[in-house]
Amino acid sequence: MGVLPWRPRVAGLDFDRKSRRPGEYAGRARFVPQYPELLPPELQKAVGQVVEVAFAGVAPPDGTFAGQDLYLEWRRDEMFDGFQIPGRDLEFIHE
C-alpha cells in the first residue's frame, strides 16, 4: 500500500449543496475527527482510514452537528458501523 501525498484539509466538496441528494456518492475521504478519544469504540477503529462516502443529508439545526453535511460509508458498513459522520471530520481526497 502506497502513502498518499499530504493535501490541505477540505471541509466539504466543491459542488453546490443543492445539487447533492441523499445517497449520492461523495468521494474518498480520510476520517480525521477532532477529538478521537471521545468517539465510541466502533468509530475509533476508523480514525485515519480512507473510506468511500455518500452524502447522507444535512444535520438538523437542533442537533449536535447543526447545519453540517453528514456522510455515510458508501455501499458498505465496515468502518463507520452505520454512524453518520459530519463533514468537519472528513478530509476529502481529490485525485
N, C-alpha and C. Protein backbone atom coordinates (compact mmCIF):
# COMPACT_ATOMS: atom_id res chain seq x y z
N MET A 1 0.84 -1.18 0.00
CA MET A 1 0.00 0.00 0.00
C MET A 1 0.88 1.24 0.00
N GLY A 2 0.63 2.14 -0.92
CA GLY A 2 1.42 3.34 -1.02
C GLY A 2 0.97 4.41 -0.05
N VAL A 3 1.80 5.39 0.14
CA VAL A 3 1.49 6.52 1.01
C VAL A 3 0.85 7.61 0.16
N LEU A 4 -0.27 8.13 0.65
CA LEU A 4 -0.94 9.20 -0.07
C LEU A 4 -0.26 10.53 0.21
N PRO A 5 -0.12 11.39 -0.79
CA PRO A 5 0.52 12.69 -0.56
C PRO A 5 -0.35 13.57 0.34
N TRP A 6 0.30 14.38 1.14
CA TRP A 6 -0.43 15.28 2.03
C TRP A 6 -1.09 16.38 1.21
N ARG A 7 -2.32 16.67 1.56
CA ARG A 7 -3.05 17.77 0.92
C ARG A 7 -3.76 18.52 2.02
N PRO A 8 -4.00 19.83 1.83
CA PRO A 8 -4.71 20.58 2.86
C PRO A 8 -6.10 20.00 3.11
N ARG A 9 -6.56 20.11 4.32
CA ARG A 9 -7.87 19.60 4.71
C ARG A 9 -8.97 20.35 3.98
N VAL A 10 -9.92 19.61 3.45
CA VAL A 10 -11.06 20.19 2.74
C VAL A 10 -12.30 19.85 3.54
N ALA A 11 -13.02 20.87 4.01
CA ALA A 11 -14.17 20.64 4.87
C ALA A 11 -15.37 20.08 4.12
N GLY A 12 -15.47 20.32 2.86
CA GLY A 12 -16.61 19.82 2.11
C GLY A 12 -16.23 19.63 0.66
N LEU A 13 -17.21 19.42 -0.15
CA LEU A 13 -16.94 19.23 -1.57
C LEU A 13 -17.12 20.54 -2.32
N ASP A 14 -16.64 20.57 -3.56
CA ASP A 14 -16.64 21.79 -4.34
C ASP A 14 -17.94 22.07 -5.08
N PHE A 15 -18.92 21.17 -5.00
CA PHE A 15 -20.13 21.43 -5.75
C PHE A 15 -21.24 21.96 -4.84
N ASP A 16 -22.21 22.57 -5.43
CA ASP A 16 -23.29 23.23 -4.71
C ASP A 16 -24.12 22.24 -3.90
N ARG A 17 -24.40 22.59 -2.66
CA ARG A 17 -25.16 21.72 -1.76
C ARG A 17 -26.52 21.34 -2.35
N LYS A 18 -27.15 22.23 -3.08
CA LYS A 18 -28.48 21.95 -3.64
C LYS A 18 -28.44 20.80 -4.63
N SER A 19 -27.27 20.56 -5.24
CA SER A 19 -27.18 19.51 -6.25
C SER A 19 -26.98 18.13 -5.62
N ARG A 20 -26.68 18.09 -4.33
CA ARG A 20 -26.44 16.81 -3.66
C ARG A 20 -27.75 16.20 -3.20
N ARG A 21 -27.84 14.90 -3.39
CA ARG A 21 -29.03 14.16 -2.95
C ARG A 21 -28.58 13.08 -1.97
N PRO A 22 -29.38 12.81 -0.95
CA PRO A 22 -29.02 11.74 -0.03
C PRO A 22 -28.77 10.44 -0.80
N GLY A 23 -27.70 9.78 -0.44
CA GLY A 23 -27.31 8.53 -1.10
C GLY A 23 -26.35 8.73 -2.25
N GLU A 24 -26.14 9.96 -2.66
CA GLU A 24 -25.24 10.26 -3.78
C GLU A 24 -23.78 10.09 -3.36
N TYR A 25 -23.00 9.45 -4.22
CA TYR A 25 -21.58 9.24 -3.97
C TYR A 25 -20.89 10.59 -3.78
N ALA A 26 -20.05 10.70 -2.74
CA ALA A 26 -19.37 11.97 -2.45
C ALA A 26 -17.87 11.90 -2.66
N GLY A 27 -17.29 10.69 -2.69
CA GLY A 27 -15.86 10.58 -2.93
C GLY A 27 -15.15 9.80 -1.84
N ARG A 28 -13.81 9.89 -1.90
CA ARG A 28 -12.98 9.23 -0.90
C ARG A 28 -12.53 10.27 0.12
N ALA A 29 -12.52 9.85 1.39
CA ALA A 29 -12.13 10.78 2.44
C ALA A 29 -11.44 10.03 3.57
N ARG A 30 -10.51 10.72 4.22
CA ARG A 30 -9.84 10.17 5.39
C ARG A 30 -10.62 10.64 6.61
N PHE A 31 -10.87 9.74 7.55
CA PHE A 31 -11.60 10.05 8.78
C PHE A 31 -10.62 10.64 9.79
N VAL A 32 -10.74 11.95 10.04
CA VAL A 32 -9.83 12.66 10.94
C VAL A 32 -10.64 13.49 11.94
N PRO A 33 -11.27 12.83 12.91
CA PRO A 33 -12.07 13.56 13.88
C PRO A 33 -11.20 14.43 14.78
N GLN A 34 -11.76 15.55 15.21
CA GLN A 34 -11.03 16.49 16.04
C GLN A 34 -10.72 15.90 17.42
N TYR A 35 -11.64 15.13 17.97
CA TYR A 35 -11.46 14.55 19.30
C TYR A 35 -11.69 13.04 19.25
N PRO A 36 -10.75 12.28 18.71
CA PRO A 36 -10.95 10.84 18.55
C PRO A 36 -11.16 10.10 19.87
N GLU A 37 -10.63 10.64 20.95
CA GLU A 37 -10.76 9.98 22.24
C GLU A 37 -12.20 9.98 22.76
N LEU A 38 -13.05 10.84 22.20
CA LEU A 38 -14.45 10.91 22.62
C LEU A 38 -15.37 10.02 21.80
N LEU A 39 -14.81 9.36 20.79
CA LEU A 39 -15.62 8.52 19.91
C LEU A 39 -15.98 7.19 20.57
N PRO A 40 -17.12 6.61 20.16
CA PRO A 40 -17.42 5.27 20.63
C PRO A 40 -16.40 4.29 20.02
N PRO A 41 -16.18 3.15 20.67
CA PRO A 41 -15.19 2.18 20.17
C PRO A 41 -15.41 1.78 18.72
N GLU A 42 -16.66 1.73 18.28
CA GLU A 42 -16.96 1.33 16.90
C GLU A 42 -16.33 2.29 15.89
N LEU A 43 -16.20 3.57 16.25
CA LEU A 43 -15.62 4.55 15.33
C LEU A 43 -14.12 4.75 15.54
N GLN A 44 -13.61 4.44 16.70
CA GLN A 44 -12.18 4.63 16.94
C GLN A 44 -11.32 3.81 15.99
N LYS A 45 -11.81 2.66 15.56
CA LYS A 45 -11.04 1.82 14.62
C LYS A 45 -10.93 2.45 13.23
N ALA A 46 -11.80 3.42 12.94
CA ALA A 46 -11.81 4.04 11.61
C ALA A 46 -10.93 5.29 11.52
N VAL A 47 -10.44 5.79 12.64
CA VAL A 47 -9.64 7.01 12.64
C VAL A 47 -8.41 6.83 11.75
N GLY A 48 -8.22 7.77 10.83
CA GLY A 48 -7.08 7.74 9.91
C GLY A 48 -7.30 6.91 8.66
N GLN A 49 -8.37 6.16 8.60
CA GLN A 49 -8.65 5.31 7.45
C GLN A 49 -9.28 6.10 6.31
N VAL A 50 -9.01 5.69 5.09
CA VAL A 50 -9.64 6.28 3.91
C VAL A 50 -10.86 5.44 3.56
N VAL A 51 -11.99 6.11 3.40
CA VAL A 51 -13.27 5.44 3.18
C VAL A 51 -14.01 6.15 2.06
N GLU A 52 -14.72 5.38 1.24
CA GLU A 52 -15.60 5.98 0.25
C GLU A 52 -16.90 6.34 0.95
N VAL A 53 -17.38 7.57 0.72
CA VAL A 53 -18.57 8.05 1.44
C VAL A 53 -19.64 8.54 0.48
N ALA A 54 -20.86 8.57 1.00
CA ALA A 54 -22.02 9.10 0.28
C ALA A 54 -22.63 10.20 1.13
N PHE A 55 -23.20 11.19 0.47
CA PHE A 55 -23.88 12.27 1.16
C PHE A 55 -25.14 11.71 1.81
N ALA A 56 -25.34 11.98 3.10
CA ALA A 56 -26.50 11.46 3.82
C ALA A 56 -27.55 12.54 4.07
N GLY A 57 -27.14 13.80 4.03
CA GLY A 57 -28.08 14.89 4.29
C GLY A 57 -27.41 15.96 5.13
N VAL A 58 -28.21 16.88 5.61
CA VAL A 58 -27.73 17.98 6.43
C VAL A 58 -28.30 17.81 7.84
N ALA A 59 -27.46 17.97 8.84
CA ALA A 59 -27.89 17.80 10.22
C ALA A 59 -28.93 18.86 10.59
N PRO A 60 -29.93 18.48 11.37
CA PRO A 60 -30.95 19.44 11.78
C PRO A 60 -30.35 20.54 12.65
N PRO A 61 -30.99 21.72 12.68
CA PRO A 61 -30.44 22.85 13.41
C PRO A 61 -30.33 22.64 14.92
N ASP A 62 -31.08 21.71 15.47
CA ASP A 62 -31.04 21.50 16.91
C ASP A 62 -30.18 20.30 17.32
N GLY A 63 -29.47 19.71 16.37
CA GLY A 63 -28.66 18.53 16.65
C GLY A 63 -27.23 18.89 17.01
N THR A 64 -26.45 17.86 17.32
CA THR A 64 -25.05 18.02 17.69
C THR A 64 -24.23 18.66 16.57
N PHE A 65 -24.51 18.31 15.33
CA PHE A 65 -23.74 18.80 14.19
C PHE A 65 -24.55 19.79 13.37
N ALA A 66 -25.32 20.63 14.01
CA ALA A 66 -26.25 21.58 13.39
C ALA A 66 -25.74 22.19 12.08
N GLY A 67 -26.50 21.95 11.01
CA GLY A 67 -26.23 22.54 9.70
C GLY A 67 -25.09 21.92 8.92
N GLN A 68 -24.40 20.95 9.47
CA GLN A 68 -23.27 20.35 8.76
C GLN A 68 -23.74 19.25 7.82
N ASP A 69 -22.98 19.07 6.75
CA ASP A 69 -23.22 17.94 5.86
C ASP A 69 -22.87 16.66 6.61
N LEU A 70 -23.68 15.63 6.43
CA LEU A 70 -23.43 14.33 7.06
C LEU A 70 -23.18 13.29 5.97
N TYR A 71 -22.32 12.34 6.28
CA TYR A 71 -21.93 11.32 5.31
C TYR A 71 -22.03 9.93 5.93
N LEU A 72 -22.29 8.95 5.08
CA LEU A 72 -22.31 7.54 5.44
C LEU A 72 -21.29 6.81 4.57
N GLU A 73 -20.89 5.66 5.03
CA GLU A 73 -19.98 4.85 4.23
C GLU A 73 -20.71 4.36 2.97
N TRP A 74 -20.06 4.46 1.84
CA TRP A 74 -20.63 4.11 0.54
C TRP A 74 -20.65 2.60 0.34
N ARG A 75 -21.83 2.03 0.14
CA ARG A 75 -22.03 0.63 -0.20
C ARG A 75 -21.51 -0.40 0.81
N ARG A 76 -21.05 -0.02 1.94
CA ARG A 76 -20.56 -0.94 2.96
C ARG A 76 -20.87 -0.33 4.32
N ASP A 77 -20.48 -1.03 5.32
CA ASP A 77 -20.63 -0.52 6.68
C ASP A 77 -19.55 -1.12 7.57
N GLU A 78 -18.36 -1.23 7.01
CA GLU A 78 -17.26 -1.88 7.73
C GLU A 78 -16.52 -0.93 8.66
N MET A 79 -16.45 0.34 8.32
CA MET A 79 -15.67 1.28 9.12
C MET A 79 -16.54 2.13 10.04
N PHE A 80 -17.61 2.71 9.52
CA PHE A 80 -18.41 3.65 10.30
C PHE A 80 -19.54 2.98 11.08
N ASP A 81 -19.74 1.69 10.88
CA ASP A 81 -20.71 0.92 11.64
C ASP A 81 -22.10 1.58 11.68
N GLY A 82 -22.48 2.22 10.58
CA GLY A 82 -23.80 2.83 10.48
C GLY A 82 -23.89 4.26 10.99
N PHE A 83 -22.84 4.77 11.60
CA PHE A 83 -22.85 6.14 12.10
C PHE A 83 -22.78 7.14 10.95
N GLN A 84 -23.48 8.26 11.09
CA GLN A 84 -23.34 9.36 10.15
C GLN A 84 -22.18 10.22 10.63
N ILE A 85 -21.34 10.63 9.70
CA ILE A 85 -20.11 11.37 10.02
C ILE A 85 -20.23 12.80 9.51
N PRO A 86 -19.98 13.81 10.37
CA PRO A 86 -20.04 15.20 9.91
C PRO A 86 -18.87 15.51 8.98
N GLY A 87 -19.12 16.41 8.03
CA GLY A 87 -18.10 16.79 7.07
C GLY A 87 -16.84 17.33 7.70
N ARG A 88 -16.94 17.94 8.88
CA ARG A 88 -15.74 18.51 9.52
C ARG A 88 -14.74 17.43 9.95
N ASP A 89 -15.21 16.19 10.06
CA ASP A 89 -14.35 15.09 10.46
C ASP A 89 -13.81 14.29 9.28
N LEU A 90 -14.04 14.78 8.07
CA LEU A 90 -13.56 14.10 6.87
C LEU A 90 -12.62 15.00 6.08
N GLU A 91 -11.54 14.42 5.63
CA GLU A 91 -10.59 15.11 4.76
C GLU A 91 -10.72 14.48 3.38
N PHE A 92 -11.41 15.17 2.48
CA PHE A 92 -11.67 14.60 1.15
C PHE A 92 -10.40 14.56 0.34
N ILE A 93 -10.25 13.48 -0.40
CA ILE A 93 -9.07 13.26 -1.23
C ILE A 93 -9.47 13.53 -2.69
N HIS A 94 -8.92 14.57 -3.24
CA HIS A 94 -9.22 14.93 -4.64
C HIS A 94 -8.08 14.42 -5.51
N GLU A 95 -8.43 13.51 -6.39
CA GLU A 95 -7.40 12.90 -7.25
C GLU A 95 -7.55 13.37 -8.66
